[in-house]
N, C-alpha and C. Protein backbone atom coordinates (compact mmCIF):
# COMPACT_ATOMS: atom_id res chain seq x y z
N MET A 1 34.79 30.96 42.11
CA MET A 1 34.52 29.85 42.99
C MET A 1 33.33 29.05 42.50
N LEU A 2 32.31 29.70 42.01
CA LEU A 2 31.12 29.00 41.52
C LEU A 2 31.47 28.02 40.41
N LEU A 3 32.31 28.41 39.47
CA LEU A 3 32.64 27.54 38.35
C LEU A 3 33.34 26.27 38.81
N VAL A 4 34.17 26.37 39.83
CA VAL A 4 34.84 25.18 40.35
C VAL A 4 33.83 24.22 40.93
N LEU A 5 32.85 24.73 41.66
CA LEU A 5 31.82 23.89 42.24
C LEU A 5 30.93 23.28 41.17
N VAL A 6 30.61 24.02 40.15
CA VAL A 6 29.74 23.55 39.08
C VAL A 6 30.31 22.30 38.44
N PHE A 7 31.60 22.27 38.17
CA PHE A 7 32.20 21.17 37.44
C PHE A 7 32.39 19.93 38.29
N THR A 8 32.12 19.99 39.57
CA THR A 8 32.25 18.81 40.41
C THR A 8 30.90 18.17 40.69
N LEU A 9 29.81 18.77 40.24
CA LEU A 9 28.49 18.21 40.45
C LEU A 9 28.28 16.97 39.59
N PRO A 10 27.41 16.03 40.04
CA PRO A 10 27.06 14.92 39.15
C PRO A 10 26.43 15.49 37.88
N PHE A 11 26.62 14.81 36.76
CA PHE A 11 26.15 15.36 35.50
C PHE A 11 24.68 15.04 35.29
N SER A 12 23.82 15.83 35.89
CA SER A 12 22.37 15.69 35.78
C SER A 12 21.84 16.85 34.95
N SER A 13 20.54 16.87 34.73
CA SER A 13 19.98 18.00 33.98
C SER A 13 20.17 19.31 34.75
N ARG A 14 20.17 19.24 36.07
CA ARG A 14 20.42 20.44 36.87
C ARG A 14 21.86 20.92 36.68
N ALA A 15 22.80 19.98 36.65
CA ALA A 15 24.19 20.35 36.41
C ALA A 15 24.36 20.90 35.01
N GLN A 16 23.65 20.33 34.03
CA GLN A 16 23.71 20.85 32.67
C GLN A 16 23.21 22.28 32.62
N ASP A 17 22.12 22.56 33.32
CA ASP A 17 21.58 23.93 33.36
C ASP A 17 22.59 24.88 34.00
N THR A 18 23.24 24.43 35.04
CA THR A 18 24.23 25.27 35.73
C THR A 18 25.43 25.54 34.82
N LEU A 19 25.89 24.51 34.11
CA LEU A 19 26.98 24.70 33.15
C LEU A 19 26.59 25.70 32.07
N ARG A 20 25.40 25.51 31.52
CA ARG A 20 24.91 26.40 30.46
C ARG A 20 24.85 27.84 30.97
N LEU A 21 24.30 28.03 32.14
CA LEU A 21 24.20 29.37 32.70
C LEU A 21 25.57 29.97 32.97
N SER A 22 26.53 29.15 33.40
CA SER A 22 27.87 29.69 33.65
C SER A 22 28.52 30.15 32.35
N CYS A 23 28.21 29.50 31.24
CA CYS A 23 28.71 29.95 29.93
C CYS A 23 28.06 31.28 29.54
N GLU A 24 26.76 31.36 29.79
CA GLU A 24 26.00 32.54 29.39
C GLU A 24 26.36 33.78 30.19
N VAL A 25 26.98 33.62 31.35
CA VAL A 25 27.42 34.78 32.13
C VAL A 25 28.35 35.65 31.28
N CYS A 26 29.26 35.02 30.57
CA CYS A 26 30.20 35.78 29.73
C CYS A 26 29.75 35.86 28.27
N HIS A 27 29.26 34.77 27.73
CA HIS A 27 28.94 34.70 26.30
C HIS A 27 27.57 35.26 25.95
N GLY A 28 26.75 35.54 26.96
CA GLY A 28 25.43 36.08 26.71
C GLY A 28 24.45 35.00 26.30
N THR A 29 23.22 35.43 26.07
CA THR A 29 22.16 34.53 25.64
C THR A 29 21.75 34.92 24.22
N ALA A 30 20.89 34.10 23.63
CA ALA A 30 20.41 34.42 22.28
C ALA A 30 19.68 35.77 22.30
N ALA A 31 19.00 36.08 23.39
CA ALA A 31 18.24 37.33 23.49
C ALA A 31 19.09 38.50 23.97
N ALA A 32 20.19 38.22 24.64
CA ALA A 32 21.02 39.29 25.19
C ALA A 32 22.49 38.98 24.96
N PRO A 33 23.00 39.27 23.76
CA PRO A 33 24.41 38.99 23.47
C PRO A 33 25.35 39.85 24.29
N SER A 34 26.61 39.47 24.31
CA SER A 34 27.61 40.23 25.05
C SER A 34 28.80 40.54 24.14
N ARG A 35 29.84 41.12 24.70
CA ARG A 35 31.04 41.44 23.92
C ARG A 35 31.91 40.21 23.67
N VAL A 36 31.75 39.20 24.49
CA VAL A 36 32.48 37.94 24.30
C VAL A 36 31.82 37.22 23.13
N PRO A 37 32.57 36.52 22.30
CA PRO A 37 31.95 35.84 21.15
C PRO A 37 30.75 34.98 21.56
N ALA A 38 29.70 35.10 20.78
CA ALA A 38 28.46 34.37 21.06
C ALA A 38 28.62 32.89 20.76
N LEU A 39 27.97 32.07 21.55
CA LEU A 39 27.93 30.64 21.29
C LEU A 39 26.69 30.26 20.49
N HIS A 40 25.62 30.99 20.70
CA HIS A 40 24.37 30.72 20.00
C HIS A 40 24.58 30.93 18.51
N GLY A 41 24.19 29.94 17.74
CA GLY A 41 24.33 30.05 16.29
C GLY A 41 25.55 29.34 15.73
N LEU A 42 26.51 28.99 16.59
CA LEU A 42 27.65 28.19 16.14
C LEU A 42 27.21 26.74 16.01
N SER A 43 27.89 25.98 15.19
CA SER A 43 27.53 24.57 15.08
C SER A 43 28.02 23.81 16.31
N ALA A 44 27.32 22.73 16.62
CA ALA A 44 27.72 21.89 17.75
C ALA A 44 29.14 21.36 17.53
N ASN A 45 29.47 21.01 16.29
CA ASN A 45 30.82 20.50 16.00
C ASN A 45 31.88 21.55 16.27
N ASP A 46 31.61 22.81 15.89
CA ASP A 46 32.59 23.88 16.12
C ASP A 46 32.78 24.14 17.61
N ILE A 47 31.69 24.13 18.36
CA ILE A 47 31.78 24.35 19.81
C ILE A 47 32.54 23.21 20.47
N ASP A 48 32.20 21.99 20.10
CA ASP A 48 32.88 20.81 20.64
C ASP A 48 34.37 20.88 20.35
N ALA A 49 34.74 21.17 19.11
CA ALA A 49 36.15 21.23 18.73
C ALA A 49 36.89 22.34 19.48
N ALA A 50 36.24 23.49 19.63
CA ALA A 50 36.88 24.61 20.34
C ALA A 50 37.11 24.27 21.81
N LEU A 51 36.12 23.69 22.47
CA LEU A 51 36.28 23.34 23.88
C LEU A 51 37.38 22.30 24.07
N ARG A 52 37.43 21.32 23.18
CA ARG A 52 38.47 20.29 23.27
C ARG A 52 39.86 20.90 23.00
N ALA A 53 39.93 21.84 22.08
CA ALA A 53 41.21 22.51 21.80
C ALA A 53 41.66 23.35 22.99
N TYR A 54 40.73 24.06 23.62
CA TYR A 54 41.07 24.81 24.82
C TYR A 54 41.56 23.87 25.91
N ARG A 55 40.81 22.79 26.12
CA ARG A 55 41.16 21.83 27.17
C ARG A 55 42.51 21.19 26.93
N GLY A 56 42.81 20.89 25.68
CA GLY A 56 44.07 20.23 25.35
C GLY A 56 45.26 21.16 25.21
N GLY A 57 45.03 22.47 25.31
CA GLY A 57 46.12 23.43 25.19
C GLY A 57 46.48 23.79 23.76
N ASP A 58 45.65 23.36 22.81
CA ASP A 58 45.90 23.65 21.40
C ASP A 58 45.30 24.98 20.94
N ARG A 59 44.52 25.60 21.80
CA ARG A 59 43.91 26.89 21.48
C ARG A 59 44.15 27.82 22.66
N SER A 60 44.60 29.03 22.38
CA SER A 60 44.89 29.97 23.47
C SER A 60 43.68 30.82 23.77
N GLY A 61 43.70 31.42 24.92
CA GLY A 61 42.63 32.31 25.36
C GLY A 61 42.95 32.82 26.74
N THR A 62 42.06 33.63 27.28
CA THR A 62 42.29 34.17 28.62
C THR A 62 41.70 33.23 29.66
N ALA A 63 40.40 33.11 29.72
CA ALA A 63 39.75 32.26 30.72
C ALA A 63 39.41 30.87 30.20
N MET A 64 39.15 30.74 28.91
CA MET A 64 38.64 29.48 28.38
C MET A 64 39.57 28.29 28.55
N PRO A 65 40.87 28.39 28.35
CA PRO A 65 41.70 27.20 28.57
C PRO A 65 41.58 26.67 30.00
N ARG A 66 41.57 27.57 30.95
CA ARG A 66 41.46 27.17 32.36
C ARG A 66 40.10 26.55 32.64
N LEU A 67 39.03 27.15 32.12
CA LEU A 67 37.69 26.63 32.36
C LEU A 67 37.47 25.30 31.66
N ALA A 68 37.96 25.17 30.45
CA ALA A 68 37.73 23.94 29.67
C ALA A 68 38.46 22.75 30.28
N GLN A 69 39.55 22.97 30.99
CA GLN A 69 40.27 21.87 31.62
C GLN A 69 39.40 21.11 32.60
N SER A 70 38.40 21.78 33.14
CA SER A 70 37.52 21.15 34.13
C SER A 70 36.36 20.39 33.50
N LEU A 71 36.17 20.51 32.21
CA LEU A 71 35.03 19.88 31.55
C LEU A 71 35.32 18.44 31.16
N SER A 72 34.35 17.57 31.41
CA SER A 72 34.46 16.18 30.97
C SER A 72 34.02 16.10 29.50
N ASP A 73 34.26 14.97 28.87
CA ASP A 73 33.80 14.77 27.50
C ASP A 73 32.28 14.90 27.41
N ALA A 74 31.57 14.34 28.39
CA ALA A 74 30.10 14.41 28.40
C ALA A 74 29.62 15.85 28.55
N GLU A 75 30.30 16.63 29.37
CA GLU A 75 29.91 18.03 29.55
C GLU A 75 30.17 18.82 28.27
N ILE A 76 31.28 18.56 27.62
CA ILE A 76 31.57 19.24 26.36
C ILE A 76 30.50 18.91 25.33
N ARG A 77 30.15 17.63 25.21
CA ARG A 77 29.10 17.22 24.25
C ARG A 77 27.78 17.91 24.56
N ALA A 78 27.39 17.93 25.84
CA ALA A 78 26.11 18.54 26.23
C ALA A 78 26.10 20.03 25.93
N LEU A 79 27.17 20.73 26.24
CA LEU A 79 27.23 22.17 25.96
C LEU A 79 27.19 22.42 24.46
N ALA A 80 27.94 21.65 23.70
CA ALA A 80 27.97 21.81 22.24
C ALA A 80 26.59 21.56 21.65
N GLN A 81 25.92 20.52 22.11
CA GLN A 81 24.58 20.22 21.60
C GLN A 81 23.59 21.31 21.97
N HIS A 82 23.68 21.81 23.20
CA HIS A 82 22.74 22.87 23.60
C HIS A 82 22.95 24.14 22.77
N PHE A 83 24.16 24.66 22.78
CA PHE A 83 24.40 25.93 22.10
C PHE A 83 24.33 25.77 20.58
N GLY A 84 24.69 24.61 20.07
CA GLY A 84 24.59 24.37 18.64
C GLY A 84 23.16 24.27 18.13
N ALA A 85 22.23 24.02 19.03
CA ALA A 85 20.83 23.89 18.66
C ALA A 85 20.07 25.21 18.77
N THR A 86 20.71 26.25 19.24
CA THR A 86 20.04 27.53 19.43
C THR A 86 20.44 28.50 18.31
N THR A 87 19.58 29.44 18.05
CA THR A 87 19.88 30.45 17.02
C THR A 87 20.04 31.81 17.66
N PRO A 88 20.85 32.66 17.03
CA PRO A 88 21.07 34.00 17.60
C PRO A 88 19.81 34.86 17.55
């Protein structure tokens, strides 16, 4: 339920933080990785392309295709820039 609410918020820095944190629930943080593939350390271009592929149905997955469908182009860019700028 939280993820549905997150994607309907106006795209402010607070919404960006909420989006980032919702990704880190499964993908972990640079300091605390998880079993799900890490986003930290991937290039912004790779993250952007993966999210767009999930959203467009060109990439399969369990939760990601459903979650990516709710992301706007601006949200995808912001997430890609954030995670692409961090190191593992």
